[in-house]
């Protein structure tokens, strides 16, 4: 078993789910877990996403883009953002634009989700 901070010697060409990852992260201190910000207006969907990732990652939550911007201003240790595209107050596209325009947050990767279907 790898210790906290050790890197795998080979990375697969296609990312696979590593079932040993939660065990590795459990050995780490809570502060060392990466932080993921979940931005989703639907409480049930936020809870679902959190239930999938919370064992391996520290999670923060926001109901809309404006709330996410406020959280990012208060917490500079966000490592990844999962955001819905369609939300009230500030949608995911505007949130993404503001994050990428700000030098303090422009490095944070963003995964955009949507229930909208179209070509």
PDB file of N, CA and C in Angstrom:
ATOM      1  N   UNK A   1       0.850  -1.188   0.000  1.00  0.00           N
ATOM      2  CA  UNK A   1       0.000   0.000   0.000  1.00  0.00           C
ATOM      3  C   UNK A   1       0.888   1.242   0.000  1.00  0.00           C
ATOM      4  N   UNK A   2       0.538   2.224  -0.794  1.00  0.00           N
ATOM      5  CA  UNK A   2       1.276   3.473  -0.868  1.00  0.00           C
ATOM      6  C   UNK A   2       0.971   4.324   0.357  1.00  0.00           C
ATOM      7  N   UNK A   3       1.933   5.105   0.769  1.00  0.00           N
ATOM      8  CA  UNK A   3       1.744   6.023   1.883  1.00  0.00           C
ATOM      9  C   UNK A   3       1.287   7.367   1.352  1.00  0.00           C
ATOM     10  N   UNK A   4       0.743   8.178   2.235  1.00  0.00           N
ATOM     11  CA  UNK A   4       0.264   9.501   1.876  1.00  0.00           C
ATOM     12  C   UNK A   4       1.365  10.286   1.178  1.00  0.00           C
ATOM     13  N   UNK A   5       1.057  10.862   0.043  1.00  0.00           N
ATOM     14  CA  UNK A   5       2.019  11.695  -0.673  1.00  0.00           C
ATOM     15  C   UNK A   5       2.809  10.950  -1.728  1.00  0.00           C
ATOM     16  N   UNK A   6       2.858   9.614  -1.676  1.00  0.00           N
ATOM     17  CA  UNK A   6       3.569   8.861  -2.694  1.00  0.00           C
ATOM     18  C   UNK A   6       2.758   8.840  -3.970  1.00  0.00           C
ATOM     19  N   UNK A   7       3.462   8.871  -5.094  1.00  0.00           N
ATOM     20  CA  UNK A   7       2.781   8.857  -6.380  1.00  0.00           C
ATOM     21  C   UNK A   7       2.881   7.462  -6.983  1.00  0.00           C
ATOM     22  N   UNK A   8       1.904   7.115  -7.786  1.00  0.00           N
ATOM     23  CA  UNK A   8       1.937   5.848  -8.485  1.00  0.00           C
ATOM     24  C   UNK A   8       3.005   5.905  -9.559  1.00  0.00           C
ATOM     25  N   UNK A   9       3.659   4.786  -9.806  1.00  0.00           N
ATOM     26  CA  UNK A   9       4.743   4.764 -10.782  1.00  0.00           C
ATOM     27  C   UNK A   9       4.229   4.860 -12.211  1.00  0.00           C
ATOM     28  N   UNK A  10       3.062   4.326 -12.483  1.00  0.00           N
ATOM     29  CA  UNK A  10       2.497   4.394 -13.828  1.00  0.00           C
ATOM     30  C   UNK A  10       1.079   4.925 -13.750  1.00  0.00           C
ATOM     31  N   UNK A  11       0.743   5.792 -14.680  1.00  0.00           N
ATOM     32  CA  UNK A  11      -0.623   6.286 -14.757  1.00  0.00           C
ATOM     33  C   UNK A  11      -1.259   5.683 -15.995  1.00  0.00           C
ATOM     34  N   UNK A  12      -2.472   5.126 -15.863  1.00  0.00           N
ATOM     35  CA  UNK A  12      -3.123   4.553 -17.042  1.00  0.00           C
ATOM     36  C   UNK A  12      -3.476   5.646 -18.046  1.00  0.00           C
ATOM     37  N   UNK A  13      -3.552   5.261 -19.327  1.00  0.00           N
ATOM     38  CA  UNK A  13      -3.907   6.212 -20.375  1.00  0.00           C
ATOM     39  C   UNK A  13      -5.321   6.746 -20.150  1.00  0.00           C
ATOM     40  N   UNK A  14      -6.217   5.890 -19.685  1.00  0.00           N
ATOM     41  CA  UNK A  14      -7.587   6.292 -19.370  1.00  0.00           C
ATOM     42  C   UNK A  14      -7.744   6.189 -17.862  1.00  0.00           C
ATOM     43  N   UNK A  15      -8.137   7.288 -17.194  1.00  0.00           N
ATOM     44  CA  UNK A  15      -8.278   7.230 -15.733  1.00  0.00           C
ATOM     45  C   UNK A  15      -9.280   6.155 -15.313  1.00  0.00           C
ATOM     46  N   UNK A  16      -8.866   5.327 -14.378  1.00  0.00           N
ATOM     47  CA  UNK A  16      -9.713   4.271 -13.850  1.00  0.00           C
ATOM     48  C   UNK A  16      -9.988   4.537 -12.385  1.00  0.00           C
ATOM     49  N   UNK A  17     -11.068   4.001 -11.872  1.00  0.00           N
ATOM     50  CA  UNK A  17     -11.370   4.134 -10.457  1.00  0.00           C
ATOM     51  C   UNK A  17     -10.449   3.201  -9.700  1.00  0.00           C
ATOM     52  N   UNK A  18      -9.685   3.731  -8.777  1.00  0.00           N
ATOM     53  CA  UNK A  18      -8.757   2.953  -7.966  1.00  0.00           C
ATOM     54  C   UNK A  18      -9.407   2.706  -6.614  1.00  0.00           C
ATOM     55  N   UNK A  19      -9.791   1.468  -6.371  1.00  0.00           N
ATOM     56  CA  UNK A  19     -10.497   1.160  -5.126  1.00  0.00           C
ATOM     57  C   UNK A  19      -9.609   1.307  -3.905  1.00  0.00           C
ATOM     58  N   UNK A  20      -8.297   1.356  -4.066  1.00  0.00           N
ATOM     59  CA  UNK A  20      -7.411   1.520  -2.915  1.00  0.00           C
ATOM     60  C   UNK A  20      -7.254   2.994  -2.534  1.00  0.00           C
ATOM     61  N   UNK A  21      -7.692   3.914  -3.379  1.00  0.00           N
ATOM     62  CA  UNK A  21      -7.532   5.338  -3.116  1.00  0.00           C
ATOM     63  C   UNK A  21      -8.136   5.783  -1.793  1.00  0.00           C
ATOM     64  N   UNK A  22      -9.376   5.376  -1.448  1.00  0.00           N
ATOM     65  CA  UNK A  22      -9.912   5.797  -0.157  1.00  0.00           C
ATOM     66  C   UNK A  22      -9.044   5.338   1.015  1.00  0.00           C
ATOM     67  N   UNK A  23      -8.443   4.127   0.920  1.00  0.00           N
ATOM     68  CA  UNK A  23      -7.568   3.647   1.984  1.00  0.00           C
ATOM     69  C   UNK A  23      -6.337   4.528   2.096  1.00  0.00           C
ATOM     70  N   UNK A  24      -5.777   4.933   0.976  1.00  0.00           N
ATOM     71  CA  UNK A  24      -4.605   5.796   0.985  1.00  0.00           C
ATOM     72  C   UNK A  24      -4.955   7.128   1.627  1.00  0.00           C
ATOM     73  N   UNK A  25      -6.061   7.695   1.217  1.00  0.00           N
ATOM     74  CA  UNK A  25      -6.442   9.010   1.721  1.00  0.00           C
ATOM     75  C   UNK A  25      -6.836   8.943   3.190  1.00  0.00           C
ATOM     76  N   UNK A  26      -7.407   7.823   3.632  1.00  0.00           N
ATOM     77  CA  UNK A  26      -7.762   7.695   5.040  1.00  0.00           C
ATOM     78  C   UNK A  26      -6.533   7.759   5.928  1.00  0.00           C
ATOM     79  N   UNK A  27      -5.366   7.353   5.425  1.00  0.00           N
ATOM     80  CA  UNK A  27      -4.138   7.420   6.198  1.00  0.00           C
ATOM     81  C   UNK A  27      -3.645   8.855   6.334  1.00  0.00           C
ATOM     82  N   UNK A  28      -4.080   9.740   5.452  1.00  0.00           N
ATOM     83  CA  UNK A  28      -3.659  11.133   5.462  1.00  0.00           C
ATOM     84  C   UNK A  28      -4.473  11.911   6.494  1.00  0.00           C
ATOM     85  N   UNK A  29      -3.945  13.028   6.902  1.00  0.00           N
ATOM     86  CA  UNK A  29      -4.709  13.912   7.772  1.00  0.00           C
ATOM     87  C   UNK A  29      -5.821  14.566   6.960  1.00  0.00           C
ATOM     88  N   UNK A  30      -6.895  14.932   7.608  1.00  0.00           N
ATOM     89  CA  UNK A  30      -8.043  15.539   6.946  1.00  0.00           C
ATOM     90  C   UNK A  30      -7.634  16.752   6.126  1.00  0.00           C
ATOM     91  N   UNK A  31      -6.707  17.562   6.634  1.00  0.00           N
ATOM     92  CA  UNK A  31      -6.298  18.774   5.931  1.00  0.00           C
ATOM     93  C   UNK A  31      -5.598  18.464   4.620  1.00  0.00           C
ATOM     94  N   UNK A  32      -5.064  17.252   4.469  1.00  0.00           N
ATOM     95  CA  UNK A  32      -4.326  16.894   3.271  1.00  0.00           C
ATOM     96  C   UNK A  32      -5.230  16.404   2.144  1.00  0.00           C
ATOM     97  N   UNK A  33      -6.498  16.132   2.453  1.00  0.00           N
ATOM     98  CA  UNK A  33      -7.402  15.695   1.401  1.00  0.00           C
ATOM     99  C   UNK A  33      -7.693  16.871   0.476  1.00  0.00           C
ATOM    100  N   UNK A  34      -7.712  16.636  -0.828  1.00  0.00           N
ATOM    101  CA  UNK A  34      -8.091  17.712  -1.748  1.00  0.00           C
ATOM    102  C   UNK A  34      -9.509  18.192  -1.466  1.00  0.00           C
ATOM    103  N   UNK A  35      -9.761  19.450  -1.748  1.00  0.00           N
ATOM    104  CA  UNK A  35     -11.076  20.043  -1.517  1.00  0.00           C
ATOM    105  C   UNK A  35     -11.789  20.243  -2.844  1.00  0.00           C
ATOM    106  N   UNK A  36     -13.023  19.759  -2.911  1.00  0.00           N
ATOM    107  CA  UNK A  36     -13.864  19.926  -4.094  1.00  0.00           C
ATOM    108  C   UNK A  36     -15.058  20.793  -3.712  1.00  0.00           C
ATOM    109  N   UNK A  37     -15.295  21.820  -4.508  1.00  0.00           N
ATOM    110  CA  UNK A  37     -16.452  22.690  -4.330  1.00  0.00           C
ATOM    111  C   UNK A  37     -17.560  22.198  -5.260  1.00  0.00           C
ATOM    112  N   UNK A  38     -18.700  21.845  -4.688  1.00  0.00           N
ATOM    113  CA  UNK A  38     -19.862  21.389  -5.453  1.00  0.00           C
ATOM    114  C   UNK A  38     -20.831  22.565  -5.562  1.00  0.00           C
ATOM    115  N   UNK A  39     -21.109  22.995  -6.800  1.00  0.00           N
ATOM    116  CA  UNK A  39     -22.004  24.128  -7.026  1.00  0.00           C
ATOM    117  C   UNK A  39     -23.217  23.594  -7.789  1.00  0.00           C
ATOM    118  N   UNK A  40     -24.337  23.504  -7.088  1.00  0.00           N
ATOM    119  CA  UNK A  40     -25.535  22.885  -7.651  1.00  0.00           C
ATOM    120  C   UNK A  40     -26.751  23.423  -6.911  1.00  0.00           C
ATOM    121  N   UNK A  41     -27.758  23.893  -7.653  1.00  0.00           N
ATOM    122  CA  UNK A  41     -28.941  24.452  -7.002  1.00  0.00           C
ATOM    123  C   UNK A  41     -29.890  23.384  -6.471  1.00  0.00           C
ATOM    124  N   UNK A  42     -29.792  22.168  -6.969  1.00  0.00           N
ATOM    125  CA  UNK A  42     -30.659  21.082  -6.524  1.00  0.00           C
ATOM    126  C   UNK A  42     -30.023  20.366  -5.332  1.00  0.00           C
ATOM    127  N   UNK A  43     -30.655  20.493  -4.160  1.00  0.00           N
ATOM    128  CA  UNK A  43     -30.100  19.917  -2.929  1.00  0.00           C
ATOM    129  C   UNK A  43     -29.877  18.403  -3.047  1.00  0.00           C
ATOM    130  N   UNK A  44     -30.818  17.705  -3.662  1.00  0.00           N
ATOM    131  CA  UNK A  44     -30.693  16.256  -3.817  1.00  0.00           C
ATOM    132  C   UNK A  44     -29.476  15.872  -4.650  1.00  0.00           C
ATOM    133  N   UNK A  45     -29.228  16.619  -5.728  1.00  0.00           N
ATOM    134  CA  UNK A  45     -28.074  16.343  -6.570  1.00  0.00           C
ATOM    135  C   UNK A  45     -26.773  16.666  -5.827  1.00  0.00           C
ATOM    136  N   UNK A  46     -26.749  17.776  -5.059  1.00  0.00           N
ATOM    137  CA  UNK A  46     -25.564  18.105  -4.253  1.00  0.00           C
ATOM    138  C   UNK A  46     -25.264  16.986  -3.264  1.00  0.00           C
ATOM    139  N   UNK A  47     -26.316  16.495  -2.614  1.00  0.00           N
ATOM    140  CA  UNK A  47     -26.152  15.417  -1.641  1.00  0.00           C
ATOM    141  C   UNK A  47     -25.638  14.154  -2.319  1.00  0.00           C
ATOM    142  N   UNK A  48     -26.160  13.849  -3.495  1.00  0.00           N
ATOM    143  CA  UNK A  48     -25.724  12.669  -4.247  1.00  0.00           C
ATOM    144  C   UNK A  48     -24.238  12.777  -4.613  1.00  0.00           C
ATOM    145  N   UNK A  49     -23.826  13.903  -5.165  1.00  0.00           N
ATOM    146  CA  UNK A  49     -22.424  14.096  -5.548  1.00  0.00           C
ATOM    147  C   UNK A  49     -21.534  13.994  -4.315  1.00  0.00           C
ATOM    148  N   UNK A  50     -21.936  14.665  -3.234  1.00  0.00           N
ATOM    149  CA  UNK A  50     -21.148  14.620  -1.998  1.00  0.00           C
ATOM    150  C   UNK A  50     -21.014  13.188  -1.488  1.00  0.00           C
ATOM    151  N   UNK A  51     -22.092  12.402  -1.569  1.00  0.00           N
ATOM    152  CA  UNK A  51     -22.046  11.024  -1.075  1.00  0.00           C
ATOM    153  C   UNK A  51     -21.037  10.168  -1.844  1.00  0.00           C
ATOM    154  N   UNK A  52     -20.826  10.495  -3.095  1.00  0.00           N
ATOM    155  CA  UNK A  52     -19.879   9.748  -3.922  1.00  0.00           C
ATOM    156  C   UNK A  52     -18.430  10.121  -3.598  1.00  0.00           C
ATOM    157  N   UNK A  53     -18.168  11.396  -3.354  1.00  0.00           N
ATOM    158  CA  UNK A  53     -16.781  11.850  -3.232  1.00  0.00           C
ATOM    159  C   UNK A  53     -16.310  12.165  -1.821  1.00  0.00           C
ATOM    160  N   UNK A  54     -17.208  12.248  -0.856  1.00  0.00           N
ATOM    161  CA  UNK A  54     -16.822  12.750   0.469  1.00  0.00           C
ATOM    162  C   UNK A  54     -15.874  11.837   1.242  1.00  0.00           C
ATOM    163  N   UNK A  55     -15.804  10.585   0.910  1.00  0.00           N
ATOM    164  CA  UNK A  55     -14.876   9.694   1.606  1.00  0.00           C
ATOM    165  C   UNK A  55     -13.425  10.018   1.244  1.00  0.00           C
ATOM    166  N   UNK A  56     -13.210  10.473   0.024  1.00  0.00           N
ATOM    167  CA  UNK A  56     -11.849  10.736  -0.445  1.00  0.00           C
ATOM    168  C   UNK A  56     -11.488  12.209  -0.505  1.00  0.00           C
ATOM    169  N   UNK A  57     -12.503  13.076  -0.481  1.00  0.00           N
ATOM    170  CA  UNK A  57     -12.259  14.505  -0.650  1.00  0.00           C
ATOM    171  C   UNK A  57     -13.010  15.304   0.397  1.00  0.00           C
ATOM    172  N   UNK A  58     -12.426  16.412   0.793  1.00  0.00           N
ATOM    173  CA  UNK A  58     -13.141  17.382   1.620  1.00  0.00           C
ATOM    174  C   UNK A  58     -14.067  18.130   0.668  1.00  0.00           C
ATOM    175  N   UNK A  59     -15.313  18.352   1.066  1.00  0.00           N
ATOM    176  CA  UNK A  59     -16.253  19.014   0.160  1.00  0.00           C
ATOM    177  C   UNK A  59     -16.784  20.314   0.747  1.00  0.00           C
ATOM    178  N   UNK A  60     -16.997  21.267  -0.140  1.00  0.00           N
ATOM    179  CA  UNK A  60     -17.706  22.504   0.154  1.00  0.00           C
ATOM    180  C   UNK A  60     -18.893  22.546  -0.793  1.00  0.00           C
ATOM    181  N   UNK A  61     -19.947  23.255  -0.408  1.00  0.00           N
ATOM    182  CA  UNK A  61     -21.135  23.310  -1.251  1.00  0.00           C
ATOM    183  C   UNK A  61     -21.644  24.732  -1.406  1.00  0.00           C
ATOM    184  N   UNK A  62     -22.174  25.008  -2.595  1.00  0.00           N
ATOM    185  CA  UNK A  62     -22.818  26.287  -2.880  1.00  0.00           C
ATOM    186  C   UNK A  62     -24.052  26.017  -3.724  1.00  0.00           C
ATOM    187  N   UNK A  63     -25.103  26.833  -3.518  1.00  0.00           N
ATOM    188  CA  UNK A  63     -26.357  26.655  -4.258  1.00  0.00           C
ATOM    189  C   UNK A  63     -26.356  27.341  -5.617  1.00  0.00           C
ATOM    190  N   UNK A  64     -25.437  28.284  -5.830  1.00  0.00           N
ATOM    191  CA  UNK A  64     -25.388  28.994  -7.107  1.00  0.00           C
ATOM    192  C   UNK A  64     -23.997  29.594  -7.286  1.00  0.00           C
ATOM    193  N   UNK A  65     -23.760  30.170  -8.444  1.00  0.00           N
ATOM    194  CA  UNK A  65     -22.449  30.713  -8.749  1.00  0.00           C
ATOM    195  C   UNK A  65     -22.017  31.848  -7.847  1.00  0.00           C
ATOM    196  N   UNK A  66     -22.946  32.712  -7.474  1.00  0.00           N
ATOM    197  CA  UNK A  66     -22.601  33.834  -6.601  1.00  0.00           C
ATOM    198  C   UNK A  66     -22.137  33.334  -5.233  1.00  0.00           C
ATOM    199  N   UNK A  67     -22.829  32.347  -4.704  1.00  0.00           N
ATOM    200  CA  UNK A  67     -22.430  31.749  -3.425  1.00  0.00           C
ATOM    201  C   UNK A  67     -21.059  31.080  -3.559  1.00  0.00           C
ATOM    202  N   UNK A  68     -20.795  30.460  -4.702  1.00  0.00           N
ATOM    203  CA  UNK A  68     -19.501  29.823  -4.945  1.00  0.00           C
ATOM    204  C   UNK A  68     -18.375  30.855  -4.977  1.00  0.00           C
ATOM    205  N   UNK A  69     -18.607  31.992  -5.634  1.00  0.00           N
ATOM    206  CA  UNK A  69     -17.602  33.064  -5.673  1.00  0.00           C
ATOM    207  C   UNK A  69     -17.282  33.536  -4.259  1.00  0.00           C
ATOM    208  N   UNK A  70     -18.299  33.665  -3.422  1.00  0.00           N
ATOM    209  CA  UNK A  70     -18.102  34.080  -2.032  1.00  0.00           C
ATOM    210  C   UNK A  70     -17.273  33.045  -1.276  1.00  0.00           C
ATOM    211  N   UNK A  71     -17.586  31.763  -1.459  1.00  0.00           N
ATOM    212  CA  UNK A  71     -16.816  30.703  -0.806  1.00  0.00           C
ATOM    213  C   UNK A  71     -15.368  30.692  -1.274  1.00  0.00           C
ATOM    214  N   UNK A  72     -15.151  30.889  -2.562  1.00  0.00           N
ATOM    215  CA  UNK A  72     -13.790  30.909  -3.100  1.00  0.00           C
ATOM    216  C   UNK A  72     -12.982  32.075  -2.532  1.00  0.00           C
ATOM    217  N   UNK A  73     -13.638  33.195  -2.297  1.00  0.00           N
ATOM    218  CA  UNK A  73     -12.952  34.352  -1.708  1.00  0.00           C
ATOM    219  C   UNK A  73     -12.539  34.064  -0.266  1.00  0.00           C
ATOM    220  N   UNK A  74     -13.294  33.217   0.419  1.00  0.00           N
ATOM    221  CA  UNK A  74     -13.014  32.888   1.812  1.00  0.00           C
ATOM    222  C   UNK A  74     -12.079  31.694   1.965  1.00  0.00           C
ATOM    223  N   UNK A  75     -12.025  30.817   0.962  1.00  0.00           N
ATOM    224  CA  UNK A  75     -11.258  29.582   1.057  1.00  0.00           C
ATOM    225  C   UNK A  75     -10.366  29.439  -0.164  1.00  0.00           C
ATOM    226  N   UNK A  76      -9.077  29.656   0.009  1.00  0.00           N
ATOM    227  CA  UNK A  76      -8.149  29.597  -1.127  1.00  0.00           C
ATOM    228  C   UNK A  76      -7.582  28.200  -1.347  1.00  0.00           C
ATOM    229  N   UNK A  77      -8.149  27.195  -0.720  1.00  0.00           N
ATOM    230  CA  UNK A  77      -7.625  25.842  -0.865  1.00  0.00           C
ATOM    231  C   UNK A  77      -8.545  24.923  -1.658  1.00  0.00           C
ATOM    232  N   UNK A  78      -9.374  25.466  -2.509  1.00  0.00           N
ATOM    233  CA  UNK A  78     -10.242  24.647  -3.362  1.00  0.00           C
ATOM    234  C   UNK A  78      -9.391  24.101  -4.498  1.00  0.00           C
ATOM    235  N   UNK A  79      -9.434  22.772  -4.676  1.00  0.00           N
ATOM    236  CA  UNK A  79      -8.606  22.114  -5.688  1.00  0.00           C
ATOM    237  C   UNK A  79      -9.363  21.789  -6.971  1.00  0.00           C
ATOM    238  N   UNK A  80     -10.693  21.700  -6.883  1.00  0.00           N
ATOM    239  CA  UNK A  80     -11.486  21.277  -8.031  1.00  0.00           C
ATOM    240  C   UNK A  80     -12.913  21.764  -7.822  1.00  0.00           C
ATOM    241  N   UNK A  81     -13.599  22.088  -8.907  1.00  0.00           N
ATOM    242  CA  UNK A  81     -14.993  22.554  -8.811  1.00  0.00           C
ATOM    243  C   UNK A  81     -15.860  21.685  -9.713  1.00  0.00           C
ATOM    244  N   UNK A  82     -16.970  21.218  -9.155  1.00  0.00           N
ATOM    245  CA  UNK A  82     -18.000  20.535  -9.932  1.00  0.00           C
ATOM    246  C   UNK A  82     -19.201  21.469  -9.915  1.00  0.00           C
ATOM    247  N   UNK A  83     -19.639  21.910 -11.103  1.00  0.00           N
ATOM    248  CA  UNK A  83     -20.714  22.898 -11.152  1.00  0.00           C
ATOM    249  C   UNK A  83     -21.777  22.541 -12.174  1.00  0.00           C
ATOM    250  N   UNK A  84     -23.011  22.789 -11.789  1.00  0.00           N
ATOM    251  CA  UNK A  84     -24.131  22.715 -12.716  1.00  0.00           C
ATOM    252  C   UNK A  84     -24.015  23.915 -13.664  1.00  0.00           C
ATOM    253  N   UNK A  85     -24.552  23.794 -14.846  1.00  0.00           N
ATOM    254  CA  UNK A  85     -24.544  24.926 -15.779  1.00  0.00           C
ATOM    255  C   UNK A  85     -25.752  25.818 -15.534  1.00  0.00           C
ATOM    256  N   UNK A  86     -26.939  25.218 -15.381  1.00  0.00           N
ATOM    257  CA  UNK A  86     -28.162  26.005 -15.239  1.00  0.00           C
ATOM    258  C   UNK A  86     -28.522  26.165 -13.766  1.00  0.00           C
ATOM    259  N   UNK A  87     -28.345  27.393 -13.252  1.00  0.00           N
ATOM    260  CA  UNK A  87     -28.675  27.710 -11.859  1.00  0.00           C
ATOM    261  C   UNK A  87     -29.216  29.131 -11.797  1.00  0.00           C
ATOM    262  N   UNK A  88     -30.016  29.421 -10.774  1.00  0.00           N
ATOM    263  CA  UNK A  88     -30.483  30.803 -10.599  1.00  0.00           C
ATOM    264  C   UNK A  88     -29.365  31.681 -10.041  1.00  0.00           C
ATOM    265  N   UNK A  89     -29.572  32.965 -10.014  1.00  0.00           N
ATOM    266  CA  UNK A  89     -28.666  33.995  -9.492  1.00  0.00           C
ATOM    267  C   UNK A  89     -27.434  34.143 -10.380  1.00  0.00           C
ATOM    268  N   UNK A  90     -26.574  33.128 -10.446  1.00  0.00           N
ATOM    269  CA  UNK A  90     -25.429  33.136 -11.366  1.00  0.00           C
ATOM    270  C   UNK A  90     -25.257  31.716 -11.887  1.00  0.00           C
ATOM    271  N   UNK A  91     -25.331  31.539 -13.211  1.00  0.00           N
ATOM    272  CA  UNK A  91     -25.221  30.196 -13.779  1.00  0.00           C
ATOM    273  C   UNK A  91     -23.768  29.732 -13.842  1.00  0.00           C
ATOM    274  N   UNK A  92     -23.591  28.482 -14.214  1.00  0.00           N
ATOM    275  CA  UNK A  92     -22.265  27.883 -14.261  1.00  0.00           C
ATOM    276  C   UNK A  92     -21.332  28.509 -15.278  1.00  0.00           C
ATOM    277  N   UNK A  93     -21.871  28.991 -16.383  1.00  0.00           N
ATOM    278  CA  UNK A  93     -21.026  29.623 -17.406  1.00  0.00           C
ATOM    279  C   UNK A  93     -20.434  30.936 -16.892  1.00  0.00           C
ATOM    280  N   UNK A  94     -21.253  31.743 -16.232  1.00  0.00           N
ATOM    281  CA  UNK A  94     -20.765  32.997 -15.657  1.00  0.00           C
ATOM    282  C   UNK A  94     -19.781  32.703 -14.519  1.00  0.00           C
ATOM    283  N   UNK A  95     -20.079  31.707 -13.710  1.00  0.00           N
ATOM    284  CA  UNK A  95     -19.165  31.306 -12.635  1.00  0.00           C
ATOM    285  C   UNK A  95     -17.814  30.926 -13.217  1.00  0.00           C
ATOM    286  N   UNK A  96     -17.826  30.101 -14.240  1.00  0.00           N
ATOM    287  CA  UNK A  96     -16.578  29.677 -14.887  1.00  0.00           C
ATOM    288  C   UNK A  96     -15.792  30.871 -15.418  1.00  0.00           C
ATOM    289  N   UNK A  97     -16.497  31.796 -16.079  1.00  0.00           N
ATOM    290  CA  UNK A  97     -15.832  32.987 -16.626  1.00  0.00           C
ATOM    291  C   UNK A  97     -15.156  33.785 -15.512  1.00  0.00           C
ATOM    292  N   UNK A  98     -15.859  34.005 -14.415  1.00  0.00           N
ATOM    293  CA  UNK A  98     -15.302  34.789 -13.303  1.00  0.00           C
ATOM    294  C   UNK A  98     -14.128  34.085 -12.636  1.00  0.00           C
ATOM    295  N   UNK A  99     -14.221  32.770 -12.507  1.00  0.00           N
ATOM    296  CA  UNK A  99     -13.112  32.009 -11.913  1.00  0.00           C
ATOM    297  C   UNK A  99     -11.869  32.117 -12.789  1.00  0.00           C
ATOM    298  N   UNK A 100     -12.034  31.974 -14.087  1.00  0.00           N
ATOM    299  CA  UNK A 100     -10.888  31.992 -15.001  1.00  0.00           C
ATOM    300  C   UNK A 100     -10.315  33.391 -15.199  1.00  0.00           C
ATOM    301  N   UNK A 101     -11.094  34.435 -14.953  1.00  0.00           N
ATOM    302  CA  UNK A 101     -10.596  35.808 -15.059  1.00  0.00           C
ATOM    303  C   UNK A 101      -9.817  36.252 -13.822  1.00  0.00           C
ATOM    304  N   UNK A 102     -10.014  35.568 -12.713  1.00  0.00           N
ATOM    305  CA  UNK A 102      -9.378  35.942 -11.454  1.00  0.00           C
ATOM    306  C   UNK A 102      -8.072  35.170 -11.295  1.00  0.00           C
ATOM    307  N   UNK A 103      -6.951  35.860 -11.177  1.00  0.00           N
ATOM    308  CA  UNK A 103      -5.641  35.220 -11.079  1.00  0.00           C
ATOM    309  C   UNK A 103      -5.549  34.286  -9.866  1.00  0.00           C
ATOM    310  N   UNK A 104      -6.279  34.590  -8.800  1.00  0.00           N
ATOM    311  CA  UNK A 104      -6.235  33.766  -7.583  1.00  0.00           C
ATOM    312  C   UNK A 104      -6.966  32.435  -7.752  1.00  0.00           C
ATOM    313  N   UNK A 105      -7.897  32.347  -8.713  1.00  0.00           N
ATOM    314  CA  UNK A 105      -8.682  31.125  -8.891  1.00  0.00           C
ATOM    315  C   UNK A 105      -8.568  30.513 -10.288  1.00  0.00           C
ATOM    316  N   UNK A 106      -7.860  31.160 -11.189  1.00  0.00           N
ATOM    317  CA  UNK A 106      -7.829  30.723 -12.587  1.00  0.00           C
ATOM    318  C   UNK A 106      -7.217  29.331 -12.791  1.00  0.00           C
ATOM    319  N   UNK A 107      -6.450  28.847 -11.835  1.00  0.00           N
ATOM    320  CA  UNK A 107      -5.803  27.541 -11.949  1.00  0.00           C
ATOM    321  C   UNK A 107      -6.723  26.368 -11.575  1.00  0.00           C
ATOM    322  N   UNK A 108      -7.890  26.652 -11.014  1.00  0.00           N
ATOM    323  CA  UNK A 108      -8.764  25.594 -10.505  1.00  0.00           C
ATOM    324  C   UNK A 108      -9.524  24.941 -11.670  1.00  0.00           C
ATOM    325  N   UNK A 109      -9.384  23.615 -11.830  1.00  0.00           N
ATOM    326  CA  UNK A 109     -10.149  22.928 -12.880  1.00  0.00           C
ATOM    327  C   UNK A 109     -11.638  22.900 -12.530  1.00  0.00           C
ATOM    328  N   UNK A 110     -12.476  22.934 -13.570  1.00  0.00           N
ATOM    329  CA  UNK A 110     -13.929  22.951 -13.375  1.00  0.00           C
ATOM    330  C   UNK A 110     -14.547  21.861 -14.241  1.00  0.00           C
ATOM    331  N   UNK A 111     -15.417  21.056 -13.633  1.00  0.00           N
ATOM    332  CA  UNK A 111     -16.213  20.078 -14.343  1.00  0.00           C
ATOM    333  C   UNK A 111     -17.638  20.602 -14.364  1.00  0.00           C
ATOM    334  N   UNK A 112     -18.185  20.813 -15.568  1.00  0.00           N
ATOM    335  CA  UNK A 112     -19.534  21.348 -15.716  1.00  0.00           C
ATOM    336  C   UNK A 112     -20.518  20.206 -15.979  1.00  0.00           C
ATOM    337  N   UNK A 113     -21.642  20.261 -15.261  1.00  0.00           N
ATOM    338  CA  UNK A 113     -22.703  19.260 -15.407  1.00  0.00           C
ATOM    339  C   UNK A 113     -23.970  19.941 -15.911  1.00  0.00           C
ATOM    340  N   UNK A 114     -24.786  19.200 -16.650  1.00  0.00           N
ATOM    341  CA  UNK A 114     -26.068  19.733 -17.063  1.00  0.00           C
ATOM    342  C   UNK A 114     -27.063  18.600 -17.295  1.00  0.00           C
ATOM    343  N   UNK A 115     -28.318  18.882 -17.055  1.00  0.00           N
ATOM    344  CA  UNK A 115     -29.381  17.937 -17.360  1.00  0.00           C
ATOM    345  C   UNK A 115     -29.978  18.230 -18.719  1.00  0.00           C
ATOM    346  N   UNK A 116     -29.577  19.348 -19.319  1.00  0.00           N
ATOM    347  CA  UNK A 116     -30.111  19.766 -20.603  1.00  0.00           C
ATOM    348  C   UNK A 116     -29.579  18.834 -21.700  1.00  0.00           C
ATOM    349  N   UNK A 117     -30.463  18.455 -22.592  1.00  0.00           N
ATOM    350  CA  UNK A 117     -30.036  17.576 -23.683  1.00  0.00           C
ATOM    351  C   UNK A 117     -30.258  18.269 -25.020  1.00  0.00           C
ATOM    352  N   UNK A 118     -29.214  18.304 -25.823  1.00  0.00           N
ATOM    353  CA  UNK A 118     -29.294  18.845 -27.177  1.00  0.00           C
ATOM    354  C   UNK A 118     -28.028  18.441 -27.911  1.00  0.00           C
ATOM    355  N   UNK A 119     -28.035  18.599 -29.222  1.00  0.00           N
ATOM    356  CA  UNK A 119     -26.848  18.266 -30.011  1.00  0.00           C
ATOM    357  C   UNK A 119     -25.785  19.326 -29.854  1.00  0.00           C
TER     358      UNK A 119
END
